[in-house]
Protein backbone atom coordinates (compact mmCIF):
# COMPACT_ATOMS: atom_id res chain seq x y z
CA UNK A 1 50.35 32.78 34.17
CA UNK A 2 50.95 36.34 35.29
CA UNK A 3 52.80 38.98 33.31
CA UNK A 4 55.79 38.66 35.64
CA UNK A 5 55.91 34.90 35.07
CA UNK A 6 55.67 35.44 31.30
CA UNK A 7 58.55 37.94 31.41
CA UNK A 8 60.65 35.47 33.42
CA UNK A 9 60.00 32.60 30.98
CA UNK A 10 60.76 34.79 27.95
CA UNK A 11 63.97 36.00 29.59
CA UNK A 12 65.04 32.39 30.22
CA UNK A 13 64.18 31.07 26.75
CA UNK A 14 65.52 34.05 24.79
CA UNK A 15 68.59 34.48 27.00
CA UNK A 16 67.62 38.07 27.82
CA UNK A 17 67.71 39.98 31.04
CA UNK A 18 64.36 40.31 32.79
CA UNK A 19 64.44 44.07 32.11
CA UNK A 20 64.88 43.50 28.36
CA UNK A 21 62.21 40.79 28.33
CA UNK A 22 59.79 43.09 30.15
CA UNK A 23 60.48 45.85 27.63
CA UNK A 24 59.76 43.40 24.80
CA UNK A 25 56.50 42.21 26.38
CA UNK A 26 55.37 45.80 27.04
CA UNK A 27 56.28 46.80 23.48
CA UNK A 28 54.28 43.87 22.08
CA UNK A 29 51.24 44.80 24.17
CA UNK A 30 51.47 48.46 23.13
CA UNK A 31 51.82 47.60 19.43
CA UNK A 32 48.78 45.31 19.58
CA UNK A 33 46.71 47.96 21.38
CA UNK A 34 47.74 50.73 18.95
CA UNK A 35 47.03 48.53 15.92
CA UNK A 36 43.59 47.56 17.20
CA UNK A 37 42.77 51.21 17.97
CA UNK A 38 43.69 52.07 14.38
CA UNK A 39 41.28 49.40 13.13
CA UNK A 40 43.96 46.94 12.03
CA UNK A 41 43.94 43.24 12.90
CA UNK A 42 47.11 41.72 14.34
CA UNK A 43 47.86 38.31 12.85
CA UNK A 44 50.65 36.09 14.15
CA UNK A 45 50.74 33.14 11.76
CA UNK A 46 50.40 29.91 13.71
CA UNK A 47 49.49 31.70 16.93
CA UNK A 48 46.32 33.63 16.14
CA UNK A 49 44.61 36.86 15.22
CA UNK A 50 43.55 39.75 17.43
CA UNK A 51 40.68 41.80 16.00
CA UNK A 52 38.11 44.36 17.12
CA UNK A 53 34.45 43.37 16.94
CA UNK A 54 31.30 45.30 17.71
CA UNK A 55 28.85 44.25 20.39
CA UNK A 56 25.35 45.57 19.70
CA UNK A 57 23.21 47.40 22.22
CA UNK A 58 21.14 44.92 24.22
CA UNK A 59 18.60 44.64 26.98
CA UNK A 60 19.76 43.47 30.41
CA UNK A 61 18.54 43.39 34.00
CA UNK A 62 19.78 45.06 37.15
CA UNK A 63 20.46 42.03 39.38
CA UNK A 64 19.56 43.94 42.56
CA UNK A 65 16.24 45.35 41.46
CA UNK A 66 15.27 43.21 38.47
CA UNK A 67 14.68 46.42 36.50
CA UNK A 68 15.26 46.24 32.74
CA UNK A 69 18.22 48.33 31.57
CA UNK A 70 19.79 49.04 28.22
CA UNK A 71 23.42 47.98 27.88
CA UNK A 72 25.21 50.27 25.44
CA UNK A 73 26.93 49.05 22.28
CA UNK A 74 30.71 48.80 22.49
CA UNK A 75 33.81 47.51 20.78
CA UNK A 76 35.32 44.27 22.06
CA UNK A 77 38.63 42.53 21.40
CA UNK A 78 38.35 39.12 19.78
CA UNK A 79 41.04 36.45 19.48
CA UNK A 80 40.94 33.62 16.99
CA UNK A 81 43.63 30.99 17.65
CA UNK A 82 45.79 29.84 14.75
CA UNK A 83 46.19 26.26 13.61
CA UNK A 84 49.52 25.65 15.33
CA UNK A 85 48.13 26.89 18.66
CA UNK A 86 44.98 24.79 18.33
CA UNK A 87 46.97 21.71 17.35
CA UNK A 88 49.45 22.26 20.17
CA UNK A 89 46.72 22.44 22.79
CA UNK A 90 44.00 20.20 21.44
CA UNK A 91 46.27 17.48 20.09
């Protein structure tokens, strides 16, 4: 599902205009990003938790040359689904 499709479905279900639904989706995305940047997890009970994890520096290979390269450490976003989401999808 694309962002536009998500906005359309939210507008239909919440009886909002598409403009208002898009504002809500954009606001949600911005709040999650800002919270994760500040080091806070975002937990939506039943849906899941967004958190920042650290990926350690590791050794990789350049696929064109086969040369060993070092891949730098970085932060990654992790998502752990909540029970209601898991149960809704996995039965």
